[in-house]
Amino acid sequence: MGAYDGAAIIVEAIKQQKGKLDPDKTMEIFKSWKNPNSPRGPISIDPETRDIVQNEYLREVRKVGGQLANVEIETLGTAVKDPWKEFQKK
């Protein structure tokens, strides 16, 4: 998923700049980027740390239709930032 999201953010920067990339503009696009349709659920970039912000899910593997599937049980947190970096700010 990280590679998918990485490619998506690069494509978005290229589209917004119509193929004429400027490093400063690219960083501004990256800092404010959001993707509601990522395979991992809705994500964004924390402009301060440049880390991914995403939901946290509780899942378990179950048999669904005779095949194993990753089934979401509960969303534990929405738009969760890296807790270690949040702790380090204090």
N, C-alpha and C. Protein backbone atom coordinates (compact mmCIF):
# COMPACT_ATOMS: atom_id res chain seq x y z
N MET A 1 0.81 -1.18 0.00
CA MET A 1 0.00 0.00 0.00
C MET A 1 0.87 1.25 0.00
N GLY A 2 2.00 1.18 0.66
CA GLY A 2 2.88 2.33 0.68
C GLY A 2 3.35 2.71 -0.73
N ALA A 3 3.68 1.70 -1.53
CA ALA A 3 4.11 1.97 -2.91
C ALA A 3 2.96 2.54 -3.73
N TYR A 4 1.75 2.01 -3.53
CA TYR A 4 0.57 2.52 -4.24
C TYR A 4 0.35 3.99 -3.90
N ASP A 5 0.38 4.30 -2.61
CA ASP A 5 0.16 5.68 -2.17
C ASP A 5 1.29 6.59 -2.63
N GLY A 6 2.53 6.09 -2.61
CA GLY A 6 3.66 6.87 -3.09
C GLY A 6 3.53 7.22 -4.56
N ALA A 7 3.10 6.25 -5.35
CA ALA A 7 2.89 6.52 -6.78
C ALA A 7 1.75 7.50 -6.98
N ALA A 8 0.69 7.36 -6.20
CA ALA A 8 -0.47 8.25 -6.34
C ALA A 8 -0.12 9.70 -6.03
N ILE A 9 0.69 9.92 -5.02
CA ILE A 9 1.06 11.30 -4.66
C ILE A 9 1.97 11.91 -5.74
N ILE A 10 2.85 11.12 -6.33
CA ILE A 10 3.72 11.60 -7.40
C ILE A 10 2.89 11.96 -8.63
N VAL A 11 1.95 11.10 -8.99
CA VAL A 11 1.07 11.38 -10.13
C VAL A 11 0.28 12.66 -9.90
N GLU A 12 -0.22 12.85 -8.68
CA GLU A 12 -0.97 14.05 -8.36
C GLU A 12 -0.11 15.31 -8.51
N ALA A 13 1.13 15.26 -8.05
CA ALA A 13 2.03 16.41 -8.18
C ALA A 13 2.30 16.72 -9.65
N ILE A 14 2.48 15.70 -10.46
CA ILE A 14 2.72 15.89 -11.89
C ILE A 14 1.49 16.50 -12.56
N LYS A 15 0.31 15.98 -12.22
CA LYS A 15 -0.93 16.51 -12.80
C LYS A 15 -1.14 17.98 -12.43
N GLN A 16 -1.00 18.29 -11.15
CA GLN A 16 -1.24 19.66 -10.70
C GLN A 16 -0.28 20.66 -11.34
N GLN A 17 0.93 20.21 -11.66
CA GLN A 17 1.92 21.11 -12.24
C GLN A 17 2.02 20.95 -13.76
N LYS A 18 1.10 20.16 -14.30
CA LYS A 18 1.05 19.93 -15.75
C LYS A 18 2.39 19.49 -16.32
N GLY A 19 3.09 18.65 -15.57
CA GLY A 19 4.35 18.06 -16.03
C GLY A 19 5.57 18.94 -15.86
N LYS A 20 5.40 20.19 -15.46
CA LYS A 20 6.54 21.10 -15.26
C LYS A 20 6.79 21.22 -13.77
N LEU A 21 7.64 20.34 -13.24
CA LEU A 21 7.81 20.23 -11.81
C LEU A 21 8.73 21.30 -11.23
N ASP A 22 8.26 21.87 -10.15
CA ASP A 22 9.03 22.82 -9.36
C ASP A 22 9.17 22.20 -7.97
N PRO A 23 10.39 22.04 -7.44
CA PRO A 23 10.58 21.36 -6.16
C PRO A 23 9.78 21.97 -5.00
N ASP A 24 9.74 23.29 -4.91
CA ASP A 24 9.01 23.92 -3.81
C ASP A 24 7.51 23.69 -3.94
N LYS A 25 6.97 23.82 -5.14
CA LYS A 25 5.54 23.58 -5.37
C LYS A 25 5.21 22.11 -5.09
N THR A 26 6.11 21.21 -5.50
CA THR A 26 5.89 19.78 -5.26
C THR A 26 5.79 19.50 -3.77
N MET A 27 6.67 20.09 -2.97
CA MET A 27 6.63 19.87 -1.52
C MET A 27 5.34 20.43 -0.93
N GLU A 28 4.85 21.55 -1.43
CA GLU A 28 3.59 22.11 -0.94
C GLU A 28 2.42 21.17 -1.28
N ILE A 29 2.44 20.59 -2.46
CA ILE A 29 1.40 19.63 -2.84
C ILE A 29 1.47 18.42 -1.92
N PHE A 30 2.67 17.91 -1.68
CA PHE A 30 2.83 16.74 -0.81
C PHE A 30 2.32 17.02 0.60
N LYS A 31 2.63 18.19 1.13
CA LYS A 31 2.24 18.52 2.51
C LYS A 31 0.73 18.59 2.69
N SER A 32 0.01 18.95 1.64
CA SER A 32 -1.45 19.11 1.79
C SER A 32 -2.23 17.96 1.13
N TRP A 33 -1.53 16.92 0.73
CA TRP A 33 -2.16 15.84 -0.04
C TRP A 33 -3.10 15.00 0.82
N LYS A 34 -4.24 14.65 0.23
CA LYS A 34 -5.21 13.75 0.86
C LYS A 34 -5.67 12.76 -0.20
N ASN A 35 -5.95 11.55 0.23
CA ASN A 35 -6.50 10.55 -0.69
C ASN A 35 -7.59 9.79 0.04
N PRO A 36 -8.85 10.09 -0.26
CA PRO A 36 -9.94 9.39 0.41
C PRO A 36 -10.12 7.95 -0.08
N ASN A 37 -9.43 7.58 -1.17
CA ASN A 37 -9.64 6.26 -1.78
C ASN A 37 -8.41 5.37 -1.76
N SER A 38 -7.50 5.59 -0.81
CA SER A 38 -6.33 4.72 -0.70
C SER A 38 -6.77 3.30 -0.33
N PRO A 39 -6.01 2.29 -0.74
CA PRO A 39 -6.35 0.92 -0.33
C PRO A 39 -6.37 0.74 1.19
N ARG A 40 -5.66 1.60 1.92
CA ARG A 40 -5.64 1.48 3.39
C ARG A 40 -6.72 2.33 4.04
N GLY A 41 -7.58 2.96 3.24
CA GLY A 41 -8.62 3.84 3.77
C GLY A 41 -8.19 5.28 3.55
N PRO A 42 -9.00 6.23 4.01
CA PRO A 42 -8.66 7.63 3.79
C PRO A 42 -7.35 8.00 4.48
N ILE A 43 -6.48 8.71 3.74
CA ILE A 43 -5.19 9.11 4.28
C ILE A 43 -4.91 10.57 3.95
N SER A 44 -3.97 11.13 4.68
CA SER A 44 -3.47 12.47 4.38
C SER A 44 -2.03 12.52 4.86
N ILE A 45 -1.37 13.63 4.56
CA ILE A 45 0.00 13.86 5.00
C ILE A 45 -0.03 14.92 6.10
N ASP A 46 0.63 14.65 7.22
CA ASP A 46 0.77 15.64 8.27
C ASP A 46 1.82 16.65 7.79
N PRO A 47 1.41 17.90 7.54
CA PRO A 47 2.36 18.86 6.97
C PRO A 47 3.56 19.17 7.88
N GLU A 48 3.39 18.96 9.17
CA GLU A 48 4.47 19.24 10.12
C GLU A 48 5.55 18.16 10.10
N THR A 49 5.12 16.89 10.15
CA THR A 49 6.06 15.77 10.22
C THR A 49 6.26 15.07 8.88
N ARG A 50 5.35 15.32 7.96
CA ARG A 50 5.31 14.67 6.64
C ARG A 50 5.05 13.17 6.75
N ASP A 51 4.46 12.74 7.86
CA ASP A 51 4.06 11.35 8.04
C ASP A 51 2.66 11.14 7.50
N ILE A 52 2.34 9.89 7.25
CA ILE A 52 0.99 9.54 6.82
C ILE A 52 0.05 9.61 8.02
N VAL A 53 -1.15 10.07 7.81
CA VAL A 53 -2.20 10.09 8.83
C VAL A 53 -3.29 9.17 8.30
N GLN A 54 -3.66 8.17 9.08
CA GLN A 54 -4.63 7.19 8.59
C GLN A 54 -5.46 6.63 9.72
N ASN A 55 -6.53 5.95 9.35
CA ASN A 55 -7.35 5.26 10.33
C ASN A 55 -6.62 4.01 10.83
N GLU A 56 -6.98 3.60 12.03
CA GLU A 56 -6.48 2.33 12.56
C GLU A 56 -7.67 1.39 12.69
N TYR A 57 -7.49 0.18 12.19
CA TYR A 57 -8.57 -0.80 12.15
C TYR A 57 -8.22 -2.04 12.96
N LEU A 58 -9.21 -2.64 13.57
CA LEU A 58 -9.08 -3.96 14.17
C LEU A 58 -9.68 -4.93 13.15
N ARG A 59 -8.88 -5.88 12.72
CA ARG A 59 -9.32 -6.84 11.71
C ARG A 59 -8.96 -8.25 12.15
N GLU A 60 -9.64 -9.21 11.54
CA GLU A 60 -9.27 -10.61 11.75
C GLU A 60 -9.50 -11.38 10.45
N VAL A 61 -8.78 -12.47 10.33
CA VAL A 61 -8.92 -13.31 9.15
C VAL A 61 -10.07 -14.28 9.40
N ARG A 62 -11.02 -14.29 8.47
CA ARG A 62 -12.17 -15.19 8.54
C ARG A 62 -12.36 -15.85 7.18
N LYS A 63 -13.06 -16.98 7.21
CA LYS A 63 -13.45 -17.61 5.95
C LYS A 63 -14.72 -16.93 5.46
N VAL A 64 -14.64 -16.40 4.26
CA VAL A 64 -15.79 -15.74 3.64
C VAL A 64 -15.96 -16.37 2.26
N GLY A 65 -17.10 -17.00 2.04
CA GLY A 65 -17.32 -17.66 0.75
C GLY A 65 -16.30 -18.74 0.46
N GLY A 66 -15.84 -19.43 1.50
CA GLY A 66 -14.88 -20.51 1.32
C GLY A 66 -13.43 -20.05 1.19
N GLN A 67 -13.19 -18.73 1.26
CA GLN A 67 -11.82 -18.23 1.15
C GLN A 67 -11.50 -17.34 2.34
N LEU A 68 -10.21 -17.28 2.68
CA LEU A 68 -9.79 -16.42 3.78
C LEU A 68 -9.86 -14.96 3.34
N ALA A 69 -10.35 -14.13 4.26
CA ALA A 69 -10.48 -12.70 3.97
C ALA A 69 -10.12 -11.90 5.21
N ASN A 70 -9.59 -10.71 4.99
CA ASN A 70 -9.25 -9.78 6.06
C ASN A 70 -10.52 -8.97 6.33
N VAL A 71 -11.17 -9.21 7.46
CA VAL A 71 -12.47 -8.62 7.76
C VAL A 71 -12.31 -7.56 8.86
N GLU A 72 -12.79 -6.36 8.55
CA GLU A 72 -12.73 -5.28 9.53
C GLU A 72 -13.78 -5.51 10.61
N ILE A 73 -13.34 -5.45 11.86
CA ILE A 73 -14.24 -5.61 13.00
C ILE A 73 -14.66 -4.24 13.52
N GLU A 74 -13.67 -3.33 13.58
CA GLU A 74 -13.94 -2.02 14.17
C GLU A 74 -12.87 -1.02 13.71
N THR A 75 -13.26 0.23 13.59
CA THR A 75 -12.30 1.31 13.37
C THR A 75 -11.93 1.84 14.74
N LEU A 76 -10.66 1.67 15.11
CA LEU A 76 -10.21 2.05 16.45
C LEU A 76 -9.92 3.54 16.57
N GLY A 77 -9.51 4.15 15.49
CA GLY A 77 -9.21 5.57 15.50
C GLY A 77 -9.25 6.13 14.10
N THR A 78 -9.69 7.36 13.96
CA THR A 78 -9.72 7.99 12.64
C THR A 78 -8.68 9.10 12.59
N ALA A 79 -8.05 9.23 11.43
CA ALA A 79 -7.02 10.24 11.19
C ALA A 79 -5.97 10.24 12.31
N VAL A 80 -5.38 9.07 12.55
CA VAL A 80 -4.42 8.88 13.63
C VAL A 80 -3.02 9.26 13.15
N LYS A 81 -2.37 10.16 13.90
CA LYS A 81 -0.98 10.53 13.62
C LYS A 81 -0.06 9.54 14.34
N ASP A 82 1.19 9.52 13.97
CA ASP A 82 2.18 8.65 14.60
C ASP A 82 2.26 8.99 16.08
N PRO A 83 1.83 8.08 16.96
CA PRO A 83 1.81 8.40 18.39
C PRO A 83 3.19 8.67 18.97
N TRP A 84 4.23 8.05 18.43
CA TRP A 84 5.57 8.27 18.95
C TRP A 84 6.00 9.72 18.70
N LYS A 85 5.73 10.23 17.52
CA LYS A 85 6.11 11.60 17.22
C LYS A 85 5.28 12.59 18.05
N GLU A 86 4.04 12.25 18.28
CA GLU A 86 3.19 13.10 19.13
C GLU A 86 3.75 13.13 20.56
N PHE A 87 4.21 11.97 21.04
CA PHE A 87 4.79 11.87 22.38
C PHE A 87 6.09 12.68 22.47
N GLN A 88 6.89 12.64 21.41
CA GLN A 88 8.19 13.32 21.42
C GLN A 88 8.06 14.84 21.46
N LYS A 89 6.92 15.39 21.04
CA LYS A 89 6.71 16.84 21.04
C LYS A 89 6.65 17.40 22.46
N LYS A 90 6.25 16.57 23.40
CA LYS A 90 6.03 17.03 24.78
C LYS A 90 7.32 17.24 25.52
